[in-house]
Protein backbone atom coordinates (compact mmCIF):
# COMPACT_ATOMS: atom_id res chain seq x y z
CA MET A 1 -11.46 -10.75 22.69
CA SER A 2 -10.18 -7.00 21.48
CA VAL A 3 -10.59 -6.79 17.78
CA ARG A 4 -7.66 -6.32 15.49
CA HIS A 5 -7.80 -3.87 12.72
CA PHE A 6 -5.06 -2.88 10.21
CA ARG A 7 -5.88 1.04 9.43
CA SER A 8 -1.90 1.34 9.30
CA VAL A 9 0.87 -0.65 8.72
CA THR A 10 2.02 0.31 12.25
CA ASP A 11 -0.98 -1.71 13.48
CA PHE A 12 1.13 -4.57 12.93
CA SER A 13 4.31 -5.30 14.57
CA PRO A 14 7.50 -6.10 12.42
CA ALA A 15 7.72 -9.34 13.15
CA GLU A 16 3.77 -9.66 12.07
CA ILE A 17 4.47 -8.11 9.25
CA ARG A 18 7.04 -10.55 7.70
CA ALA A 19 4.04 -12.75 8.93
CA VAL A 20 1.68 -11.68 6.93
CA LEU A 21 4.08 -12.01 4.11
CA GLU A 22 5.14 -15.24 4.73
CA LEU A 23 1.32 -16.53 4.48
CA ALA A 24 0.74 -14.46 1.35
CA ASN A 25 3.14 -16.63 -0.03
CA LYS A 26 1.99 -19.88 1.38
CA ILE A 27 -1.79 -18.67 -0.56
CA LYS A 28 -0.03 -18.20 -3.81
CA ARG A 29 1.57 -20.85 -4.09
CA LYS A 30 -0.81 -23.18 -2.66
CA PRO A 31 -4.36 -21.29 -2.92
CA LYS A 32 -6.49 -24.99 -2.79
CA ARG A 33 -5.42 -25.09 0.40
CA TYR A 34 -7.31 -22.03 1.81
CA ARG A 35 -10.60 -22.44 -0.37
CA LYS A 36 -12.18 -22.70 3.25
CA ALA A 37 -10.80 -20.24 5.63
CA LEU A 38 -13.56 -17.51 5.51
CA ARG A 39 -16.24 -19.84 4.97
CA GLY A 40 -19.71 -17.76 5.42
CA GLN A 41 -18.02 -15.12 6.31
CA THR A 42 -18.78 -11.75 4.64
CA LEU A 43 -16.83 -8.47 4.32
CA ALA A 44 -18.61 -5.10 3.87
CA MET A 45 -16.52 -3.09 1.23
CA ILE A 46 -17.07 0.84 1.32
CA PHE A 47 -15.79 3.25 -1.39
CA GLN A 48 -15.68 6.78 -1.27
CA LYS A 49 -12.82 6.46 -4.03
CA LYS A 50 -13.23 4.60 -7.51
CA SER A 51 -10.77 1.40 -7.95
CA THR A 52 -9.62 -1.25 -9.69
CA ARG A 53 -7.32 -3.38 -7.92
CA THR A 54 -8.40 -2.41 -4.64
CA ARG A 55 -12.04 -3.50 -5.48
CA VAL A 56 -11.39 -6.49 -7.82
CA SER A 57 -8.53 -7.68 -5.72
CA PHE A 58 -10.52 -7.80 -2.62
CA GLU A 59 -13.82 -8.78 -4.13
CA VAL A 60 -12.25 -12.09 -5.29
CA GLY A 61 -9.48 -12.64 -2.40
CA MET A 62 -13.19 -13.11 -0.26
CA PHE A 63 -14.33 -15.46 -2.73
CA GLN A 64 -11.73 -17.38 -3.01
CA LEU A 65 -11.05 -17.53 0.91
CA GLY A 66 -14.62 -19.36 0.86
CA GLY A 67 -16.27 -15.87 2.25
CA HIS A 68 -18.46 -13.14 0.11
CA ALA A 69 -17.39 -9.62 -0.49
CA LEU A 70 -20.25 -6.49 -0.37
CA PHE A 71 -19.44 -3.55 -2.84
CA LEU A 72 -20.69 -0.42 -1.16
CA GLY A 73 -20.83 2.49 -2.68
CA SER A 74 -21.45 5.75 -0.45
CA SER A 75 -23.93 7.04 -2.72
CA ASP A 76 -25.16 3.60 -2.29
CA ILE A 77 -25.57 3.40 1.39
CA GLN A 78 -26.59 5.96 4.08
CA ILE A 79 -23.73 7.33 4.42
CA GLY A 80 -23.91 9.42 1.46
CA ARG A 81 -26.99 10.72 2.98
CA GLY A 82 -25.64 11.93 6.40
CA GLU A 83 -25.76 8.73 8.30
CA THR A 84 -23.16 8.76 11.09
CA ILE A 85 -19.75 6.79 10.23
CA ALA A 86 -20.16 5.42 13.75
CA ASP A 87 -23.98 4.33 12.97
CA THR A 88 -22.83 2.74 10.03
CA ALA A 89 -19.88 1.06 11.78
CA LYS A 90 -22.09 -0.31 14.52
CA VAL A 91 -24.66 -1.78 11.73
CA ILE A 92 -22.28 -3.20 9.39
CA SER A 93 -21.07 -4.75 12.02
CA ARG A 94 -24.21 -6.40 12.99
CA TYR A 95 -24.33 -8.06 9.81
CA CYS A 96 -20.80 -8.22 8.62
CA ASP A 97 -17.38 -10.28 9.77
CA GLY A 98 -15.21 -7.41 8.68
CA ILE A 99 -15.13 -3.91 6.77
CA MET A 100 -12.72 -2.79 4.20
CA ALA A 101 -12.77 0.86 3.58
CA ARG A 102 -11.43 2.86 0.28
CA VAL A 103 -12.32 6.47 1.61
CA TYR A 104 -10.68 9.90 1.50
CA GLY A 105 -9.77 10.91 5.33
CA HIS A 106 -7.97 9.24 7.45
CA ALA A 107 -10.46 10.18 10.28
CA THR A 108 -13.03 7.90 8.44
CA ILE A 109 -10.73 5.10 9.07
CA GLU A 110 -10.42 5.77 12.67
CA GLU A 111 -13.78 6.61 13.19
CA LEU A 112 -14.77 3.51 11.53
CA ALA A 113 -12.43 1.27 13.89
CA GLU A 114 -13.28 3.11 16.73
CA HIS A 115 -17.25 2.05 16.59
CA ALA A 116 -16.78 -1.28 14.31
CA THR A 117 -16.89 -4.43 16.32
CA VAL A 118 -15.23 -6.21 13.64
CA PRO A 119 -11.67 -5.58 12.13
CA VAL A 120 -11.50 -2.68 9.92
CA ILE A 121 -9.00 -2.56 6.80
CA ASN A 122 -7.70 0.65 5.06
CA GLY A 123 -8.02 -0.23 1.79
CA LEU A 124 -6.64 3.49 1.06
CA CYS A 125 -7.39 6.85 2.51
CA ASP A 126 -5.30 10.34 2.14
CA LEU A 127 -2.83 9.70 4.40
CA GLU A 128 -1.78 6.21 4.10
CA HIS A 129 -2.00 3.18 1.82
CA PRO A 130 -0.92 0.36 3.74
CA CYS A 131 -2.26 -2.96 1.76
CA GLN A 132 -0.55 -1.74 -1.08
CA THR A 133 3.08 -1.23 0.46
CA LEU A 134 3.06 -4.83 1.78
CA CYS A 135 2.34 -5.83 -1.67
CA ASP A 136 4.95 -3.51 -2.77
CA ALA A 137 7.58 -5.61 0.33
CA ALA A 138 6.29 -9.01 -1.26
CA THR A 139 7.30 -8.41 -5.03
CA LEU A 140 10.58 -7.29 -3.77
CA VAL A 141 11.07 -9.86 -1.24
CA GLU A 142 9.94 -12.70 -4.29
CA LYS A 143 12.13 -10.94 -6.87
CA TRP A 144 15.32 -10.94 -4.58
CA SER A 145 15.06 -14.05 -2.76
CA PRO A 146 17.42 -17.02 -4.34
CA PRO A 147 14.79 -19.20 -6.73
CA GLY A 148 12.64 -21.15 -5.01
CA THR A 149 12.65 -19.22 -1.73
CA PHE A 150 10.91 -16.38 0.19
CA ASP A 151 13.15 -15.21 2.52
CA VAL A 152 12.02 -11.68 3.92
CA GLY A 153 15.31 -10.72 5.49
CA VAL A 154 16.17 -10.31 1.99
CA LEU A 155 15.02 -6.59 1.91
CA ARG A 156 17.26 -5.52 4.77
CA GLY A 157 20.21 -3.36 3.83
CA LYS A 158 18.64 -2.50 0.38
CA THR A 159 17.27 0.72 -0.63
CA LEU A 160 13.91 2.00 -1.93
CA CYS A 161 13.54 5.21 -3.86
CA TYR A 162 10.14 6.90 -3.75
CA VAL A 163 10.18 10.04 -6.41
CA GLY A 164 7.06 12.11 -5.99
CA ASP A 165 4.64 13.41 -4.38
CA GLY A 166 5.16 12.58 -0.43
CA ASN A 167 1.76 11.23 -0.20
CA ASN A 168 -0.39 8.35 1.23
CA MET A 169 2.19 5.87 -0.48
CA ALA A 170 5.36 7.86 0.85
CA HIS A 171 3.74 7.31 4.64
CA SER A 172 3.27 3.45 4.09
CA LEU A 173 6.46 2.94 2.12
CA LEU A 174 8.35 4.38 5.36
CA ASP A 175 6.56 2.68 7.78
CA THR A 176 6.69 -0.40 5.80
CA GLY A 177 10.59 -0.03 4.85
CA ALA A 178 11.43 0.84 8.59
CA ALA A 179 9.27 -2.18 10.06
CA LEU A 180 11.14 -4.48 7.63
CA GLY A 181 15.52 -3.22 7.75
CA MET A 182 14.83 -1.79 4.63
CA ASN A 183 16.35 1.79 3.64
CA VAL A 184 13.36 4.29 2.01
CA THR A 185 14.19 7.34 0.38
CA ILE A 186 11.69 9.69 -0.58
CA VAL A 187 12.79 12.38 -3.39
CA ALA A 188 9.94 15.12 -3.20
CA PRO A 189 9.99 18.60 -4.01
CA VAL A 190 9.80 20.94 -1.06
CA GLY A 191 5.94 21.73 0.19
CA TYR A 192 5.00 18.07 -1.58
CA GLN A 193 7.10 16.37 1.45
CA PRO A 194 5.93 13.59 3.54
CA ASP A 195 4.21 14.25 6.83
CA ALA A 196 7.19 15.19 9.45
CA ALA A 197 5.65 13.14 12.09
CA ILE A 198 5.43 9.69 9.99
CA VAL A 199 8.94 10.39 9.18
CA ALA A 200 9.89 10.65 12.67
CA ARG A 201 7.51 7.72 13.35
CA ALA A 202 9.49 5.67 10.60
CA THR A 203 13.02 6.78 11.75
CA LEU A 204 12.39 5.87 15.48
CA LEU A 205 11.02 2.33 14.20
CA GLY A 206 14.28 2.32 11.54
CA ALA A 207 16.97 2.73 14.32
CA GLN A 208 15.90 -0.52 15.96
CA THR A 209 15.78 -2.67 12.58
CA GLY A 210 18.69 -1.29 10.89
CA ALA A 211 16.67 1.38 8.03
CA VAL A 212 17.38 4.69 7.39
CA MET A 213 14.82 6.73 6.24
CA THR A 214 15.86 10.06 4.22
CA VAL A 215 13.64 12.93 2.57
CA THR A 216 15.68 15.17 -0.08
CA ASP A 217 14.46 17.29 -3.04
CA ASP A 218 17.60 16.15 -4.53
CA LEU A 219 16.98 14.77 -7.45
CA GLN A 220 20.98 13.75 -8.21
CA GLU A 221 22.11 12.00 -5.49
CA GLY A 222 18.48 10.70 -4.20
CA PRO A 223 17.90 7.68 -6.37
CA ARG A 224 21.65 7.07 -6.86
CA GLY A 225 22.34 3.56 -5.93
CA ALA A 226 18.93 2.66 -5.37
CA ASP A 227 18.23 -1.05 -5.32
CA ALA A 228 14.44 -0.05 -5.99
CA LEU A 229 12.60 3.00 -7.88
CA TYR A 230 9.14 3.87 -7.31
CA THR A 231 6.83 6.68 -7.81
CA ASP A 232 3.13 7.46 -8.00
CA VAL A 233 0.79 9.99 -9.83
CA TRP A 234 1.40 13.67 -9.32
CA ALA A 235 -2.18 14.47 -8.14
CA SER A 236 -4.56 11.91 -6.85
CA MET A 237 -7.96 11.74 -6.67
CA GLY A 238 -9.51 14.77 -5.35
CA GLN A 239 -6.27 16.64 -6.17
CA GLU A 240 -7.57 17.04 -9.90
CA ASP A 241 -8.10 20.85 -9.70
CA GLU A 242 -4.40 21.08 -8.68
CA HIS A 243 -3.36 19.24 -11.85
CA ALA A 244 -1.69 22.26 -13.63
CA GLN A 245 0.08 23.19 -10.39
CA ARG A 246 1.50 19.84 -9.75
CA LEU A 247 2.56 19.44 -13.63
CA VAL A 248 5.04 22.69 -12.67
CA ALA A 249 5.78 21.61 -9.09
CA PHE A 250 7.25 18.37 -10.08
CA ALA A 251 8.98 19.41 -13.66
CA GLY A 252 12.29 17.20 -13.56
CA TYR A 253 10.56 14.50 -11.16
CA GLN A 254 9.82 11.99 -13.70
CA VAL A 255 11.16 8.45 -13.38
CA ASP A 256 12.81 8.18 -16.67
CA ALA A 257 15.89 6.06 -18.23
CA ALA A 258 18.04 8.62 -16.84
CA MET A 259 17.05 8.53 -13.46
CA MET A 260 16.69 4.81 -13.73
CA ALA A 261 20.50 4.70 -14.83
CA ARG A 262 21.74 6.65 -11.25
CA ALA A 263 20.51 3.94 -9.14
CA HIS A 264 21.59 -0.03 -9.41
CA PRO A 265 21.83 -1.45 -12.77
CA GLU A 266 19.53 -3.73 -11.84
CA ALA A 267 17.16 -1.87 -10.19
CA LEU A 268 13.36 -2.44 -9.96
CA PHE A 269 10.89 -0.10 -11.02
CA LEU A 270 7.89 -0.06 -9.46
CA HIS A 271 4.15 1.66 -9.60
CA CYS A 272 1.18 1.42 -7.51
CA LEU A 273 -0.94 2.17 -10.80
CA PRO A 274 -3.18 4.14 -12.46
CA ALA A 275 -0.13 5.27 -13.91
CA HIS A 276 0.35 8.30 -16.36
CA ARG A 277 3.03 7.57 -19.12
CA GLY A 278 4.70 10.37 -19.71
CA GLU A 279 4.12 12.49 -16.33
CA GLU A 280 5.36 10.68 -13.44
CA VAL A 281 7.10 7.90 -15.40
CA SER A 282 7.93 7.37 -18.99
CA ALA A 283 6.60 4.75 -21.00
CA GLU A 284 10.50 3.50 -21.37
CA VAL A 285 11.10 2.57 -18.09
CA CYS A 286 7.09 1.81 -17.13
CA ASP A 287 6.71 -0.74 -19.94
CA GLY A 288 10.18 -1.74 -19.68
CA PRO A 289 12.18 -5.19 -18.65
CA GLN A 290 12.89 -3.53 -14.95
CA SER A 291 9.30 -2.55 -14.19
CA VAL A 292 7.54 -5.64 -12.06
CA ILE A 293 4.36 -3.53 -11.52
CA PHE A 294 2.21 -5.86 -13.11
CA ASP A 295 3.63 -8.74 -10.55
CA GLU A 296 2.78 -6.00 -7.88
CA ALA A 297 -0.32 -5.85 -8.75
CA GLU A 298 -1.19 -9.07 -8.91
CA ASN A 299 0.05 -9.60 -5.48
CA ARG A 300 -2.26 -6.82 -4.25
CA LEU A 301 -4.82 -10.34 -4.13
CA HIS A 302 -2.56 -12.43 -2.10
CA VAL A 303 -1.57 -9.95 -0.03
CA GLN A 304 -4.58 -8.94 1.16
CA LYS A 305 -6.11 -12.31 1.77
CA ALA A 306 -3.27 -13.18 3.99
CA ILE A 307 -4.67 -10.12 5.73
CA LEU A 308 -7.87 -11.29 5.84
CA VAL A 309 -7.18 -14.65 7.02
CA THR A 310 -5.02 -12.88 9.85
CA LEU A 311 -7.88 -10.40 11.25
CA MET A 312 -10.66 -12.38 10.25
CA GLY A 313 -9.87 -15.91 10.45
């Protein structure tokens, strides 16, 4: 039987993504039913980048599913001393039932998946952040569904506007929106807009699901009427030396009360965290009544448990 990986949102069909979200909701509502879902299994967690939510949610998630997670910092294993990615994948596959990796280059994720004989999950790379955007979708479904229900169909026709760097978050939001029939608008300055190939990929899928993908630098019209506003830090890990340059490039791109006012009156605010209040988002918005950032962070646990069960169960 071939091994399934989750390197990108596009590794799952739209129907499979809906199934993962629905499973996540079931796990969240009745976690005790899944206490033995991965009993006796072990997840290797490779970290090149520091983490709060990714590490804690995957480690806790494996424990709550009856399994075990191993933290493998890149400086703690032989990959930090020159062992190849291929050899690392082959060896870990002999010990563990799955691999989650939070790395810099997407090529590392692809090479792990090429050589591993167990599922590989992209916990984050510079190109995509698929676990995060499935949790974002789950959060929006929770907030927009009628009380007591969880209807993924509520995303159809809604518009999420992402403001800021056209980075891994923008890429995975485009893929997720396209798969679920949700319009996605990326508002980013010229020179920082998302990868054209990913925009084209999402646009093609969106044509089948009824979702419209838009990329613009228009700060006035881009957010107008949006049902949700989303942002991320302007300088991600590995871009610290660009911080001063990016502060200039993103001047005016802060999600503040004025920008929220251009969106739908009941628009939600999302952020993948950590947040730099006063830069990409004002404290007033980040900690305000329309913010769902901590519900969003919690859902990393439930959605990732659903991904683990789907791939390893």
